[in-house]
Every structure is written in structure tokens, then in C-alpha cells.
Amino acid sequence: MDNKKLLGKRIKELRKEAGLTQEKLAELINIETTSLSGIESGRHFPSLPTIEKIANKLNVELKTLFDFSHLKSIDKMKEEIVENIDKISDEKIKFIYKFIEGYIS
């Protein structure tokens, strides 16, 4: 997924968490609802001032808008776990094992 789509998806997610409609957020940041719709759908990339207004009205830090880590596919998450497993200490592996074991038992 490209960055425009990821950003739009993240903004939509945070807007809904804040309990705002597209219309209300658009009004708060002084843009047209169709413009916000275009941003959320990934058709348009917002300007920096608009990104700052969005973060402000959603009461999040600017960097939160660009935190896409939870939007990864399950396959990508599994791949990254496998790639990084050898970097984890033995103690942490034991903890993770017990945690996982609790879910599959």
C-alpha cells in the first residue's frame, strides 16, 4: 500500500476513534468534505499545514498520523517476526513462548 493510502487510512481510523464525522473534521480544519474524503481514500495527499491541522484537531502528535505499523498484513507481520527472532534474547524468547502458549492451549 502506498503512503497516500496509508496516511488516509490512518486519518480515517483516528477520526473515527475521536468520534468525528468527515463533515465535522473537515469543518474543524477548514477544508471541503470532499477534500477530506479524497485524503482518507488515498486519492489526495494533504499539504503540511493541513496535516498539522488534522493532528491538532484529532489531539494526536504529528508522528501518530504516520504510524502505520498496525496496518501491516498478517503475512507481513509473520515474516517480520521470523526475520527478527534471532535478535531476541533467550529470556525474552522464553517470555514470548509462554505468552503464545497461553493463546494456543
N, C-alpha and C. Protein backbone atom coordinates (compact mmCIF):
# COMPACT_ATOMS: atom_id res chain seq x y z
N MET A 1 0.85 -1.17 0.00
CA MET A 1 0.00 0.00 0.00
C MET A 1 0.90 1.24 0.00
N ASP A 2 0.57 2.21 -0.83
CA ASP A 2 1.42 3.40 -0.91
C ASP A 2 1.14 4.36 0.26
N ASN A 3 2.02 5.33 0.42
CA ASN A 3 1.95 6.24 1.57
C ASN A 3 0.68 7.08 1.61
N LYS A 4 0.17 7.49 0.45
CA LYS A 4 -1.07 8.27 0.42
C LYS A 4 -2.22 7.45 1.00
N LYS A 5 -2.30 6.20 0.59
CA LYS A 5 -3.37 5.33 1.08
C LYS A 5 -3.20 5.02 2.57
N LEU A 6 -1.95 4.77 2.98
CA LEU A 6 -1.70 4.50 4.40
C LEU A 6 -2.06 5.70 5.27
N LEU A 7 -1.65 6.89 4.84
CA LEU A 7 -1.96 8.10 5.59
C LEU A 7 -3.47 8.30 5.67
N GLY A 8 -4.14 8.15 4.55
CA GLY A 8 -5.59 8.32 4.53
C GLY A 8 -6.30 7.34 5.44
N LYS A 9 -5.85 6.09 5.41
CA LYS A 9 -6.45 5.07 6.26
C LYS A 9 -6.23 5.40 7.74
N ARG A 10 -5.05 5.90 8.06
CA ARG A 10 -4.72 6.24 9.44
C ARG A 10 -5.55 7.44 9.92
N ILE A 11 -5.69 8.46 9.07
CA ILE A 11 -6.50 9.62 9.43
C ILE A 11 -7.95 9.20 9.68
N LYS A 12 -8.48 8.38 8.80
CA LYS A 12 -9.85 7.89 8.96
C LYS A 12 -10.01 7.13 10.27
N GLU A 13 -9.06 6.27 10.56
CA GLU A 13 -9.10 5.49 11.79
C GLU A 13 -9.10 6.41 13.02
N LEU A 14 -8.20 7.38 13.04
CA LEU A 14 -8.10 8.30 14.18
C LEU A 14 -9.33 9.21 14.28
N ARG A 15 -9.87 9.60 13.14
CA ARG A 15 -11.08 10.44 13.14
C ARG A 15 -12.24 9.68 13.78
N LYS A 16 -12.38 8.41 13.39
CA LYS A 16 -13.46 7.61 13.96
C LYS A 16 -13.26 7.37 15.45
N GLU A 17 -12.01 7.14 15.86
CA GLU A 17 -11.72 6.97 17.28
C GLU A 17 -12.08 8.23 18.06
N ALA A 18 -11.92 9.39 17.43
CA ALA A 18 -12.25 10.66 18.07
C ALA A 18 -13.75 10.95 18.04
N GLY A 19 -14.50 10.10 17.34
CA GLY A 19 -15.95 10.27 17.27
C GLY A 19 -16.39 11.40 16.37
N LEU A 20 -15.57 11.69 15.36
CA LEU A 20 -15.89 12.77 14.43
C LEU A 20 -16.33 12.22 13.08
N THR A 21 -17.28 12.90 12.47
CA THR A 21 -17.65 12.58 11.09
C THR A 21 -16.67 13.28 10.16
N GLN A 22 -16.69 12.88 8.90
CA GLN A 22 -15.86 13.59 7.91
C GLN A 22 -16.28 15.05 7.84
N GLU A 23 -17.57 15.27 7.89
CA GLU A 23 -18.07 16.63 7.78
C GLU A 23 -17.55 17.51 8.93
N LYS A 24 -17.59 16.96 10.14
CA LYS A 24 -17.16 17.75 11.31
C LYS A 24 -15.66 18.01 11.28
N LEU A 25 -14.85 16.99 10.97
CA LEU A 25 -13.40 17.20 10.91
C LEU A 25 -13.06 18.19 9.80
N ALA A 26 -13.71 18.05 8.65
CA ALA A 26 -13.46 18.99 7.55
C ALA A 26 -13.78 20.42 7.98
N GLU A 27 -14.88 20.58 8.70
CA GLU A 27 -15.25 21.91 9.19
C GLU A 27 -14.20 22.44 10.17
N LEU A 28 -13.73 21.57 11.07
CA LEU A 28 -12.75 21.98 12.07
C LEU A 28 -11.42 22.41 11.47
N ILE A 29 -11.04 21.79 10.35
CA ILE A 29 -9.76 22.14 9.73
C ILE A 29 -9.92 23.06 8.52
N ASN A 30 -11.18 23.46 8.30
CA ASN A 30 -11.49 24.44 7.26
C ASN A 30 -11.15 23.97 5.84
N ILE A 31 -11.58 22.73 5.52
CA ILE A 31 -11.49 22.25 4.14
C ILE A 31 -12.84 21.65 3.76
N GLU A 32 -13.03 21.41 2.49
CA GLU A 32 -14.27 20.79 2.00
C GLU A 32 -14.31 19.33 2.41
N THR A 33 -15.50 18.83 2.65
CA THR A 33 -15.68 17.42 3.00
C THR A 33 -15.15 16.53 1.88
N THR A 34 -15.35 16.94 0.64
CA THR A 34 -14.85 16.14 -0.49
C THR A 34 -13.32 16.07 -0.48
N SER A 35 -12.68 17.13 -0.01
CA SER A 35 -11.21 17.12 0.09
C SER A 35 -10.76 16.12 1.14
N LEU A 36 -11.43 16.12 2.30
CA LEU A 36 -11.08 15.17 3.35
C LEU A 36 -11.36 13.74 2.88
N SER A 37 -12.44 13.56 2.17
CA SER A 37 -12.75 12.24 1.62
C SER A 37 -11.65 11.77 0.69
N GLY A 38 -11.15 12.68 -0.13
CA GLY A 38 -10.06 12.35 -1.04
C GLY A 38 -8.77 11.99 -0.31
N ILE A 39 -8.53 12.67 0.81
CA ILE A 39 -7.36 12.37 1.64
C ILE A 39 -7.51 10.99 2.26
N GLU A 40 -8.68 10.74 2.87
CA GLU A 40 -8.90 9.47 3.56
C GLU A 40 -8.90 8.28 2.60
N SER A 41 -9.31 8.49 1.39
CA SER A 41 -9.32 7.39 0.43
C SER A 41 -7.97 7.19 -0.26
N GLY A 42 -7.03 8.11 -0.01
CA GLY A 42 -5.71 7.99 -0.60
C GLY A 42 -5.61 8.55 -2.00
N ARG A 43 -6.65 9.26 -2.44
CA ARG A 43 -6.60 9.88 -3.77
C ARG A 43 -5.78 11.16 -3.76
N HIS A 44 -5.77 11.85 -2.60
CA HIS A 44 -5.06 13.13 -2.48
C HIS A 44 -4.13 13.09 -1.28
N PHE A 45 -2.99 13.76 -1.42
CA PHE A 45 -2.06 13.89 -0.31
C PHE A 45 -2.20 15.29 0.25
N PRO A 46 -2.47 15.43 1.54
CA PRO A 46 -2.69 16.76 2.11
C PRO A 46 -1.39 17.55 2.22
N SER A 47 -1.54 18.87 2.24
CA SER A 47 -0.38 19.75 2.46
C SER A 47 0.06 19.63 3.91
N LEU A 48 1.27 20.06 4.19
CA LEU A 48 1.78 20.02 5.55
C LEU A 48 0.89 20.82 6.52
N PRO A 49 0.47 22.04 6.16
CA PRO A 49 -0.43 22.76 7.08
C PRO A 49 -1.72 21.99 7.37
N THR A 50 -2.25 21.31 6.37
CA THR A 50 -3.48 20.52 6.57
C THR A 50 -3.19 19.32 7.47
N ILE A 51 -2.06 18.68 7.27
CA ILE A 51 -1.68 17.55 8.13
C ILE A 51 -1.55 18.02 9.58
N GLU A 52 -0.94 19.18 9.78
CA GLU A 52 -0.79 19.74 11.12
C GLU A 52 -2.15 20.04 11.75
N LYS A 53 -3.08 20.59 10.97
CA LYS A 53 -4.42 20.88 11.48
C LYS A 53 -5.15 19.59 11.86
N ILE A 54 -5.01 18.57 11.03
CA ILE A 54 -5.66 17.29 11.30
C ILE A 54 -5.14 16.71 12.62
N ALA A 55 -3.83 16.69 12.78
CA ALA A 55 -3.24 16.16 14.02
C ALA A 55 -3.74 16.96 15.22
N ASN A 56 -3.76 18.27 15.09
CA ASN A 56 -4.20 19.14 16.17
C ASN A 56 -5.65 18.84 16.55
N LYS A 57 -6.54 18.78 15.58
CA LYS A 57 -7.96 18.58 15.86
C LYS A 57 -8.26 17.16 16.35
N LEU A 58 -7.39 16.21 15.99
CA LEU A 58 -7.57 14.84 16.49
C LEU A 58 -6.84 14.61 17.81
N ASN A 59 -6.18 15.67 18.28
CA ASN A 59 -5.44 15.62 19.55
C ASN A 59 -4.39 14.51 19.57
N VAL A 60 -3.63 14.42 18.47
CA VAL A 60 -2.53 13.46 18.39
C VAL A 60 -1.28 14.18 17.94
N GLU A 61 -0.13 13.59 18.25
CA GLU A 61 1.12 14.14 17.75
C GLU A 61 1.18 13.90 16.24
N LEU A 62 1.88 14.77 15.56
CA LEU A 62 2.02 14.66 14.12
C LEU A 62 2.52 13.27 13.71
N LYS A 63 3.50 12.75 14.44
CA LYS A 63 4.07 11.45 14.08
C LYS A 63 3.05 10.33 14.17
N THR A 64 2.01 10.49 14.98
CA THR A 64 0.98 9.47 15.12
C THR A 64 0.25 9.25 13.80
N LEU A 65 0.11 10.30 13.01
CA LEU A 65 -0.55 10.16 11.71
C LEU A 65 0.24 9.26 10.77
N PHE A 66 1.54 9.13 11.03
CA PHE A 66 2.39 8.33 10.16
C PHE A 66 2.80 7.00 10.78
N ASP A 67 2.11 6.61 11.82
CA ASP A 67 2.36 5.31 12.45
C ASP A 67 1.45 4.28 11.80
N PHE A 68 2.01 3.54 10.85
CA PHE A 68 1.23 2.58 10.07
C PHE A 68 1.52 1.14 10.49
N SER A 69 2.32 0.95 11.53
CA SER A 69 2.79 -0.40 11.87
C SER A 69 1.65 -1.38 12.09
N HIS A 70 0.56 -0.95 12.67
CA HIS A 70 -0.56 -1.86 12.93
C HIS A 70 -1.39 -2.15 11.68
N LEU A 71 -1.10 -1.47 10.59
CA LEU A 71 -1.84 -1.68 9.36
C LEU A 71 -1.21 -2.74 8.46
N LYS A 72 -0.16 -3.39 8.95
CA LYS A 72 0.51 -4.41 8.17
C LYS A 72 -0.36 -5.66 8.07
N SER A 73 -0.19 -6.38 6.99
CA SER A 73 -0.93 -7.63 6.83
C SER A 73 -0.38 -8.67 7.79
N ILE A 74 -1.18 -9.66 8.09
CA ILE A 74 -0.76 -10.75 8.97
C ILE A 74 0.46 -11.46 8.38
N ASP A 75 0.47 -11.68 7.08
CA ASP A 75 1.62 -12.33 6.45
C ASP A 75 2.88 -11.52 6.63
N LYS A 76 2.78 -10.19 6.51
CA LYS A 76 3.94 -9.32 6.70
C LYS A 76 4.41 -9.36 8.15
N MET A 77 3.46 -9.38 9.09
CA MET A 77 3.83 -9.46 10.50
C MET A 77 4.57 -10.77 10.79
N LYS A 78 4.06 -11.87 10.27
CA LYS A 78 4.70 -13.17 10.46
C LYS A 78 6.11 -13.16 9.88
N GLU A 79 6.24 -12.60 8.69
CA GLU A 79 7.54 -12.51 8.03
C GLU A 79 8.54 -11.73 8.88
N GLU A 80 8.11 -10.61 9.44
CA GLU A 80 8.99 -9.78 10.26
C GLU A 80 9.34 -10.47 11.57
N ILE A 81 8.42 -11.22 12.13
CA ILE A 81 8.71 -11.99 13.35
C ILE A 81 9.82 -12.99 13.07
N VAL A 82 9.67 -13.74 11.99
CA VAL A 82 10.67 -14.75 11.63
C VAL A 82 12.02 -14.10 11.36
N GLU A 83 12.02 -12.97 10.66
CA GLU A 83 13.27 -12.28 10.34
C GLU A 83 13.99 -11.78 11.60
N ASN A 84 13.24 -11.44 12.63
CA ASN A 84 13.83 -10.82 13.82
C ASN A 84 13.99 -11.76 15.02
N ILE A 85 13.54 -12.98 14.92
CA ILE A 85 13.54 -13.89 16.06
C ILE A 85 14.95 -14.13 16.61
N ASP A 86 15.94 -14.19 15.76
CA ASP A 86 17.31 -14.44 16.21
C ASP A 86 17.93 -13.25 16.94
N LYS A 87 17.30 -12.10 16.85
CA LYS A 87 17.82 -10.90 17.52
C LYS A 87 17.30 -10.77 18.95
N ILE A 88 16.38 -11.65 19.34
CA ILE A 88 15.76 -11.57 20.66
C ILE A 88 16.54 -12.41 21.67
N SER A 89 16.72 -11.88 22.88
CA SER A 89 17.46 -12.61 23.92
C SER A 89 16.71 -13.89 24.32
N ASP A 90 17.44 -14.81 24.90
CA ASP A 90 16.85 -16.08 25.34
C ASP A 90 15.75 -15.85 26.37
N GLU A 91 15.96 -14.91 27.29
CA GLU A 91 14.95 -14.61 28.31
C GLU A 91 13.65 -14.11 27.68
N LYS A 92 13.80 -13.25 26.69
CA LYS A 92 12.61 -12.72 26.02
C LYS A 92 11.93 -13.80 25.19
N ILE A 93 12.71 -14.69 24.60
CA ILE A 93 12.12 -15.81 23.85
C ILE A 93 11.27 -16.66 24.78
N LYS A 94 11.77 -16.93 25.98
CA LYS A 94 11.02 -17.73 26.95
C LYS A 94 9.70 -17.04 27.31
N PHE A 95 9.77 -15.73 27.52
CA PHE A 95 8.57 -14.97 27.85
C PHE A 95 7.57 -15.02 26.70
N ILE A 96 8.04 -14.78 25.49
CA ILE A 96 7.17 -14.79 24.31
C ILE A 96 6.56 -16.18 24.13
N TYR A 97 7.35 -17.22 24.35
CA TYR A 97 6.86 -18.59 24.22
C TYR A 97 5.71 -18.84 25.19
N LYS A 98 5.88 -18.43 26.45
CA LYS A 98 4.83 -18.62 27.45
C LYS A 98 3.57 -17.84 27.07
N PHE A 99 3.78 -16.65 26.56
CA PHE A 99 2.65 -15.81 26.15
C PHE A 99 1.87 -16.48 25.02
N ILE A 100 2.58 -16.93 24.00
CA ILE A 100 1.94 -17.58 22.85
C ILE A 100 1.28 -18.89 23.28
N GLU A 101 1.98 -19.63 24.11
CA GLU A 101 1.46 -20.92 24.59
C GLU A 101 0.11 -20.73 25.29
N GLY A 102 -0.05 -19.63 26.00
CA GLY A 102 -1.31 -19.33 26.65
C GLY A 102 -2.46 -19.13 25.69
N TYR A 103 -2.16 -18.68 24.49
CA TYR A 103 -3.19 -18.45 23.48
C TYR A 103 -3.55 -19.70 22.69
N ILE A 104 -2.62 -20.62 22.56
CA ILE A 104 -2.89 -21.80 21.74
C ILE A 104 -3.27 -23.03 22.56
N SER A 105 -3.19 -22.92 23.88
CA SER A 105 -3.55 -24.06 24.73
C SER A 105 -5.02 -24.11 24.98
